[in-house]
Amino acid sequence: MLWLQEASFFPSKRILAPVALLTLGLTPVLASAQRLAVDSVKSSVTVRVFKSGLFSGLAHDNTIQAPVATGNIDMQEKSVTLAFNVADMKVLDPGESDSNRKDIDATMKGPKDSTERSSRPSVSLLVQ
């Protein structure tokens, strides 16, 4: 280990210049690493909505699953952005019959008229 004893604490200028250029070249890569993409193939969100209040007897407790269409995590801004296609959302409601589940799903997705439905094709969520 003789070479450790002879090594200088400060590297020579020949080594320092390429290291500095490499670091400056990687700065955009490191900055972009602060923003991570969400794997939309494997990601989904499940939302549980509970009835309450005066008219709760007329309502349903709903469980809705929404696959993530797009999303990213911004480490620098400390935020998460997710987008969901309304057409891909699914009502799970385990306590309901299949016909009730289909009715709830149709109500959630909006009018049957395709012109009105196209006015809200996606839902976005931003958490900061």
N, C-alpha and C. Protein backbone atom coordinates (compact mmCIF):
# COMPACT_ATOMS: atom_id res chain seq x y z
N MET A 1 0.82 -1.19 0.00
CA MET A 1 0.00 0.00 0.00
C MET A 1 0.86 1.25 0.00
N LEU A 2 2.00 1.16 -0.61
CA LEU A 2 2.90 2.28 -0.71
C LEU A 2 2.29 3.42 -1.54
N TRP A 3 1.50 3.05 -2.56
CA TRP A 3 0.93 4.07 -3.44
C TRP A 3 -0.05 4.97 -2.71
N LEU A 4 -0.72 4.50 -1.66
CA LEU A 4 -1.63 5.33 -0.90
C LEU A 4 -0.88 6.40 -0.11
N GLN A 5 0.26 6.06 0.38
CA GLN A 5 1.03 7.01 1.15
C GLN A 5 1.59 8.11 0.25
N GLU A 6 1.87 7.79 -0.99
CA GLU A 6 2.45 8.77 -1.90
C GLU A 6 1.39 9.57 -2.63
N ALA A 7 0.15 9.16 -2.58
CA ALA A 7 -0.92 9.86 -3.32
C ALA A 7 -1.18 11.21 -2.69
N SER A 8 -1.39 12.18 -3.54
CA SER A 8 -1.70 13.52 -3.09
C SER A 8 -3.19 13.62 -2.81
N PHE A 9 -3.59 14.47 -1.88
CA PHE A 9 -5.01 14.67 -1.57
C PHE A 9 -5.74 15.33 -2.74
N PHE A 10 -5.08 16.26 -3.42
CA PHE A 10 -5.67 16.95 -4.56
C PHE A 10 -5.21 16.29 -5.85
N PRO A 11 -6.13 15.93 -6.74
CA PRO A 11 -5.72 15.29 -8.00
C PRO A 11 -5.05 16.30 -8.92
N SER A 12 -4.29 15.77 -9.85
CA SER A 12 -3.60 16.66 -10.79
C SER A 12 -4.61 17.31 -11.73
N LYS A 13 -4.17 18.36 -12.40
CA LYS A 13 -5.05 19.10 -13.31
C LYS A 13 -5.46 18.22 -14.49
N ARG A 14 -4.61 17.28 -14.87
CA ARG A 14 -4.94 16.39 -15.99
C ARG A 14 -6.14 15.50 -15.65
N ILE A 15 -6.29 15.13 -14.42
CA ILE A 15 -7.42 14.29 -13.99
C ILE A 15 -8.64 15.17 -13.68
N LEU A 16 -8.41 16.33 -13.09
CA LEU A 16 -9.49 17.19 -12.65
C LEU A 16 -10.32 17.73 -13.83
N ALA A 17 -9.68 18.12 -14.93
CA ALA A 17 -10.40 18.68 -16.08
C ALA A 17 -11.39 17.69 -16.68
N PRO A 18 -10.98 16.45 -16.99
CA PRO A 18 -11.96 15.50 -17.55
C PRO A 18 -13.09 15.17 -16.57
N VAL A 19 -12.78 15.08 -15.29
CA VAL A 19 -13.81 14.80 -14.30
C VAL A 19 -14.82 15.95 -14.24
N ALA A 20 -14.33 17.19 -14.30
CA ALA A 20 -15.21 18.35 -14.29
C ALA A 20 -16.09 18.37 -15.53
N LEU A 21 -15.52 18.09 -16.71
CA LEU A 21 -16.31 18.06 -17.94
C LEU A 21 -17.35 16.94 -17.91
N LEU A 22 -16.97 15.79 -17.39
CA LEU A 22 -17.91 14.68 -17.27
C LEU A 22 -19.05 15.03 -16.34
N THR A 23 -18.75 15.67 -15.23
CA THR A 23 -19.78 16.08 -14.27
C THR A 23 -20.72 17.09 -14.89
N LEU A 24 -20.17 18.07 -15.61
CA LEU A 24 -21.02 19.07 -16.27
C LEU A 24 -21.88 18.42 -17.35
N GLY A 25 -21.32 17.43 -18.05
CA GLY A 25 -22.08 16.73 -19.08
C GLY A 25 -23.20 15.88 -18.50
N LEU A 26 -23.02 15.36 -17.30
CA LEU A 26 -24.05 14.53 -16.67
C LEU A 26 -25.09 15.34 -15.92
N THR A 27 -24.87 16.64 -15.75
CA THR A 27 -25.82 17.46 -15.00
C THR A 27 -27.24 17.36 -15.55
N PRO A 28 -27.47 17.47 -16.89
CA PRO A 28 -28.84 17.31 -17.38
C PRO A 28 -29.41 15.92 -17.10
N VAL A 29 -28.56 14.89 -17.17
CA VAL A 29 -29.03 13.53 -16.89
C VAL A 29 -29.45 13.42 -15.44
N LEU A 30 -28.64 13.97 -14.54
CA LEU A 30 -28.97 13.91 -13.12
C LEU A 30 -30.22 14.73 -12.82
N ALA A 31 -30.39 15.87 -13.49
CA ALA A 31 -31.58 16.70 -13.29
C ALA A 31 -32.81 15.98 -13.79
N SER A 32 -32.70 15.28 -14.92
CA SER A 32 -33.86 14.56 -15.45
C SER A 32 -34.21 13.37 -14.57
N ALA A 33 -33.23 12.86 -13.84
CA ALA A 33 -33.51 11.75 -12.93
C ALA A 33 -34.40 12.19 -11.77
N GLN A 34 -34.54 13.49 -11.59
CA GLN A 34 -35.41 14.00 -10.54
C GLN A 34 -36.88 13.80 -10.90
N ARG A 35 -37.16 13.52 -12.18
CA ARG A 35 -38.53 13.30 -12.66
C ARG A 35 -38.62 11.86 -13.14
N LEU A 36 -39.39 11.05 -12.45
CA LEU A 36 -39.49 9.63 -12.75
C LEU A 36 -40.86 9.31 -13.34
N ALA A 37 -40.88 8.46 -14.35
CA ALA A 37 -42.13 8.05 -14.97
C ALA A 37 -42.77 6.92 -14.18
N VAL A 38 -44.09 6.96 -14.09
CA VAL A 38 -44.85 5.89 -13.44
C VAL A 38 -45.09 4.80 -14.47
N ASP A 39 -44.90 3.56 -14.10
CA ASP A 39 -45.13 2.43 -15.01
C ASP A 39 -46.63 2.23 -15.16
N SER A 40 -47.18 2.72 -16.27
CA SER A 40 -48.63 2.68 -16.45
C SER A 40 -49.16 1.27 -16.71
N VAL A 41 -48.31 0.36 -17.14
CA VAL A 41 -48.74 -1.01 -17.37
C VAL A 41 -49.04 -1.73 -16.05
N LYS A 42 -48.26 -1.43 -15.02
CA LYS A 42 -48.40 -2.13 -13.74
C LYS A 42 -49.11 -1.31 -12.67
N SER A 43 -49.49 -0.06 -12.97
CA SER A 43 -50.01 0.83 -11.93
C SER A 43 -51.50 1.08 -12.07
N SER A 44 -52.16 1.07 -10.94
CA SER A 44 -53.58 1.44 -10.89
C SER A 44 -53.86 2.02 -9.50
N VAL A 45 -54.96 2.73 -9.41
CA VAL A 45 -55.37 3.33 -8.15
C VAL A 45 -56.76 2.78 -7.82
N THR A 46 -56.96 2.41 -6.58
CA THR A 46 -58.27 1.97 -6.12
C THR A 46 -58.80 3.00 -5.14
N VAL A 47 -60.00 3.51 -5.43
CA VAL A 47 -60.62 4.55 -4.60
C VAL A 47 -61.87 3.95 -3.95
N ARG A 48 -61.98 4.15 -2.65
CA ARG A 48 -63.17 3.71 -1.92
C ARG A 48 -63.93 4.94 -1.46
N VAL A 49 -65.19 5.02 -1.83
CA VAL A 49 -66.05 6.15 -1.50
C VAL A 49 -67.17 5.62 -0.61
N PHE A 50 -67.36 6.26 0.56
CA PHE A 50 -68.35 5.78 1.52
C PHE A 50 -69.53 6.75 1.60
N LYS A 51 -70.70 6.19 1.74
CA LYS A 51 -71.91 7.00 1.87
C LYS A 51 -71.99 7.54 3.30
N SER A 52 -72.60 8.72 3.43
CA SER A 52 -72.82 9.30 4.75
C SER A 52 -73.87 10.39 4.62
N GLY A 53 -74.38 10.85 5.73
CA GLY A 53 -75.31 11.96 5.72
C GLY A 53 -76.76 11.54 5.71
N LEU A 54 -77.61 12.51 5.52
CA LEU A 54 -79.05 12.34 5.61
C LEU A 54 -79.59 11.33 4.60
N PHE A 55 -79.08 11.37 3.37
CA PHE A 55 -79.60 10.50 2.32
C PHE A 55 -78.71 9.28 2.07
N SER A 56 -77.95 8.87 3.06
CA SER A 56 -77.03 7.75 2.89
C SER A 56 -77.77 6.44 2.60
N GLY A 57 -79.02 6.35 3.01
CA GLY A 57 -79.80 5.14 2.73
C GLY A 57 -80.07 4.96 1.25
N LEU A 58 -79.97 6.02 0.48
CA LEU A 58 -80.22 5.95 -0.96
C LEU A 58 -78.93 5.82 -1.77
N ALA A 59 -77.81 5.83 -1.11
CA ALA A 59 -76.51 5.84 -1.80
C ALA A 59 -75.83 4.47 -1.71
N HIS A 60 -74.66 4.37 -2.32
CA HIS A 60 -73.86 3.15 -2.32
C HIS A 60 -72.46 3.48 -1.81
N ASP A 61 -71.84 2.50 -1.15
CA ASP A 61 -70.40 2.57 -0.90
C ASP A 61 -69.75 2.06 -2.18
N ASN A 62 -68.88 2.84 -2.77
CA ASN A 62 -68.30 2.46 -4.06
C ASN A 62 -66.82 2.18 -3.94
N THR A 63 -66.37 1.18 -4.71
CA THR A 63 -64.95 0.89 -4.88
C THR A 63 -64.67 0.98 -6.37
N ILE A 64 -63.78 1.89 -6.74
CA ILE A 64 -63.49 2.16 -8.14
C ILE A 64 -62.02 1.90 -8.40
N GLN A 65 -61.72 1.14 -9.45
CA GLN A 65 -60.34 0.90 -9.84
C GLN A 65 -60.06 1.67 -11.12
N ALA A 66 -58.95 2.40 -11.13
CA ALA A 66 -58.58 3.21 -12.28
C ALA A 66 -57.13 2.92 -12.67
N PRO A 67 -56.92 2.28 -13.82
CA PRO A 67 -55.54 2.09 -14.28
C PRO A 67 -54.91 3.44 -14.62
N VAL A 68 -53.64 3.60 -14.29
CA VAL A 68 -52.94 4.85 -14.57
C VAL A 68 -52.61 4.89 -16.07
N ALA A 69 -53.07 5.95 -16.75
CA ALA A 69 -52.76 6.13 -18.18
C ALA A 69 -51.36 6.72 -18.33
N THR A 70 -51.09 7.78 -17.60
CA THR A 70 -49.76 8.39 -17.58
C THR A 70 -49.51 8.92 -16.18
N GLY A 71 -48.24 9.08 -15.86
CA GLY A 71 -47.91 9.64 -14.55
C GLY A 71 -46.44 9.86 -14.39
N ASN A 72 -46.10 10.76 -13.48
CA ASN A 72 -44.70 10.98 -13.16
C ASN A 72 -44.58 11.46 -11.72
N ILE A 73 -43.39 11.25 -11.20
CA ILE A 73 -43.03 11.68 -9.85
C ILE A 73 -41.90 12.67 -10.01
N ASP A 74 -42.11 13.88 -9.51
CA ASP A 74 -41.08 14.92 -9.57
C ASP A 74 -40.46 15.04 -8.19
N MET A 75 -39.24 14.51 -8.07
CA MET A 75 -38.56 14.50 -6.77
C MET A 75 -38.17 15.90 -6.33
N GLN A 76 -37.84 16.77 -7.29
CA GLN A 76 -37.42 18.12 -6.94
C GLN A 76 -38.61 18.95 -6.44
N GLU A 77 -39.74 18.84 -7.12
CA GLU A 77 -40.95 19.58 -6.73
C GLU A 77 -41.75 18.85 -5.65
N LYS A 78 -41.36 17.62 -5.37
CA LYS A 78 -42.06 16.77 -4.39
C LYS A 78 -43.54 16.67 -4.75
N SER A 79 -43.78 16.22 -5.99
CA SER A 79 -45.16 16.10 -6.46
C SER A 79 -45.34 14.82 -7.28
N VAL A 80 -46.59 14.40 -7.37
CA VAL A 80 -46.97 13.24 -8.19
C VAL A 80 -48.11 13.68 -9.09
N THR A 81 -48.00 13.38 -10.37
CA THR A 81 -49.05 13.69 -11.33
C THR A 81 -49.50 12.38 -11.96
N LEU A 82 -50.81 12.12 -11.91
CA LEU A 82 -51.38 10.92 -12.51
C LEU A 82 -52.54 11.31 -13.40
N ALA A 83 -52.72 10.57 -14.49
CA ALA A 83 -53.87 10.78 -15.38
C ALA A 83 -54.53 9.42 -15.61
N PHE A 84 -55.85 9.44 -15.67
CA PHE A 84 -56.64 8.23 -15.85
C PHE A 84 -57.62 8.43 -17.00
N ASN A 85 -57.79 7.42 -17.84
CA ASN A 85 -58.82 7.47 -18.86
C ASN A 85 -60.14 7.04 -18.23
N VAL A 86 -61.16 7.86 -18.36
CA VAL A 86 -62.45 7.57 -17.74
C VAL A 86 -63.01 6.25 -18.26
N ALA A 87 -62.83 5.99 -19.54
CA ALA A 87 -63.36 4.76 -20.14
C ALA A 87 -62.75 3.50 -19.53
N ASP A 88 -61.53 3.61 -18.97
CA ASP A 88 -60.85 2.45 -18.38
C ASP A 88 -61.19 2.23 -16.91
N MET A 89 -61.86 3.19 -16.29
CA MET A 89 -62.23 3.05 -14.87
C MET A 89 -63.28 1.95 -14.73
N LYS A 90 -63.21 1.26 -13.60
CA LYS A 90 -64.09 0.12 -13.40
C LYS A 90 -64.66 0.14 -11.98
N VAL A 91 -65.97 -0.03 -11.86
CA VAL A 91 -66.62 -0.12 -10.56
C VAL A 91 -66.50 -1.56 -10.07
N LEU A 92 -65.92 -1.76 -8.89
CA LEU A 92 -65.72 -3.10 -8.35
C LEU A 92 -66.84 -3.51 -7.39
N ASP A 93 -67.31 -2.61 -6.56
CA ASP A 93 -68.37 -2.82 -5.57
C ASP A 93 -68.71 -4.29 -5.31
N PRO A 94 -67.95 -4.94 -4.44
CA PRO A 94 -68.16 -6.38 -4.21
C PRO A 94 -69.53 -6.72 -3.61
N GLY A 95 -70.18 -5.79 -2.94
CA GLY A 95 -71.48 -6.07 -2.32
C GLY A 95 -72.67 -5.88 -3.25
N GLU A 96 -72.45 -5.49 -4.48
CA GLU A 96 -73.53 -5.20 -5.42
C GLU A 96 -73.67 -6.31 -6.45
N SER A 97 -74.88 -6.41 -7.01
CA SER A 97 -75.11 -7.38 -8.09
C SER A 97 -74.45 -6.87 -9.37
N ASP A 98 -74.30 -7.76 -10.34
CA ASP A 98 -73.68 -7.37 -11.61
C ASP A 98 -74.47 -6.27 -12.31
N SER A 99 -75.79 -6.35 -12.27
CA SER A 99 -76.60 -5.32 -12.95
C SER A 99 -76.47 -3.97 -12.25
N ASN A 100 -76.45 -3.95 -10.92
CA ASN A 100 -76.24 -2.69 -10.18
C ASN A 100 -74.85 -2.12 -10.46
N ARG A 101 -73.85 -3.00 -10.50
CA ARG A 101 -72.49 -2.56 -10.77
C ARG A 101 -72.40 -1.91 -12.16
N LYS A 102 -73.07 -2.49 -13.14
CA LYS A 102 -73.07 -1.92 -14.50
C LYS A 102 -73.78 -0.57 -14.53
N ASP A 103 -74.88 -0.44 -13.78
CA ASP A 103 -75.60 0.84 -13.71
C ASP A 103 -74.74 1.92 -13.05
N ILE A 104 -74.07 1.57 -11.97
CA ILE A 104 -73.21 2.52 -11.26
C ILE A 104 -72.05 2.93 -12.17
N ASP A 105 -71.49 1.97 -12.88
CA ASP A 105 -70.39 2.26 -13.80
C ASP A 105 -70.83 3.22 -14.90
N ALA A 106 -72.01 2.98 -15.47
CA ALA A 106 -72.54 3.86 -16.53
C ALA A 106 -72.80 5.26 -16.01
N THR A 107 -73.34 5.37 -14.79
CA THR A 107 -73.60 6.68 -14.19
C THR A 107 -72.29 7.42 -13.94
N MET A 108 -71.28 6.71 -13.44
CA MET A 108 -69.98 7.32 -13.16
C MET A 108 -69.33 7.86 -14.43
N LYS A 109 -69.45 7.11 -15.52
CA LYS A 109 -68.79 7.50 -16.77
C LYS A 109 -69.55 8.56 -17.53
N GLY A 110 -70.77 8.87 -17.13
CA GLY A 110 -71.49 9.98 -17.74
C GLY A 110 -72.56 9.55 -18.72
N PRO A 111 -73.11 10.53 -19.42
CA PRO A 111 -74.23 10.27 -20.32
C PRO A 111 -73.87 9.25 -21.42
N LYS A 112 -74.88 8.57 -21.89
CA LYS A 112 -74.66 7.58 -22.95
C LYS A 112 -74.37 8.24 -24.29
N ASP A 113 -74.74 9.50 -24.42
CA ASP A 113 -74.48 10.25 -25.65
C ASP A 113 -72.97 10.46 -25.77
N SER A 114 -72.38 9.94 -26.84
CA SER A 114 -70.92 9.99 -27.00
C SER A 114 -70.38 11.41 -27.15
N THR A 115 -71.18 12.35 -27.63
CA THR A 115 -70.68 13.72 -27.76
C THR A 115 -70.46 14.37 -26.41
N GLU A 116 -71.34 14.09 -25.46
CA GLU A 116 -71.15 14.64 -24.11
C GLU A 116 -70.05 13.91 -23.37
N ARG A 117 -69.95 12.62 -23.56
CA ARG A 117 -68.94 11.83 -22.86
C ARG A 117 -67.53 12.23 -23.28
N SER A 118 -67.34 12.60 -24.54
CA SER A 118 -66.01 12.95 -25.03
C SER A 118 -65.49 14.26 -24.44
N SER A 119 -66.35 15.03 -23.80
CA SER A 119 -65.90 16.29 -23.22
C SER A 119 -65.08 16.08 -21.95
N ARG A 120 -65.09 14.90 -21.41
CA ARG A 120 -64.26 14.59 -20.23
C ARG A 120 -63.67 13.18 -20.36
N PRO A 121 -62.74 13.01 -21.29
CA PRO A 121 -62.18 11.68 -21.52
C PRO A 121 -61.18 11.21 -20.47
N SER A 122 -60.65 12.14 -19.69
CA SER A 122 -59.65 11.75 -18.69
C SER A 122 -59.80 12.57 -17.41
N VAL A 123 -59.21 12.02 -16.36
CA VAL A 123 -59.18 12.67 -15.05
C VAL A 123 -57.71 12.77 -14.65
N SER A 124 -57.31 13.94 -14.17
CA SER A 124 -55.92 14.13 -13.74
C SER A 124 -55.88 14.41 -12.24
N LEU A 125 -54.80 13.98 -11.62
CA LEU A 125 -54.60 14.16 -10.19
C LEU A 125 -53.19 14.69 -9.97
N LEU A 126 -53.07 15.78 -9.24
CA LEU A 126 -51.78 16.35 -8.89
C LEU A 126 -51.69 16.40 -7.37
N VAL A 127 -50.70 15.74 -6.82
CA VAL A 127 -50.48 15.73 -5.36
C VAL A 127 -49.17 16.43 -5.10
N GLN A 128 -49.21 17.47 -4.25
CA GLN A 128 -47.98 18.19 -3.91
C GLN A 128 -47.74 18.15 -2.43
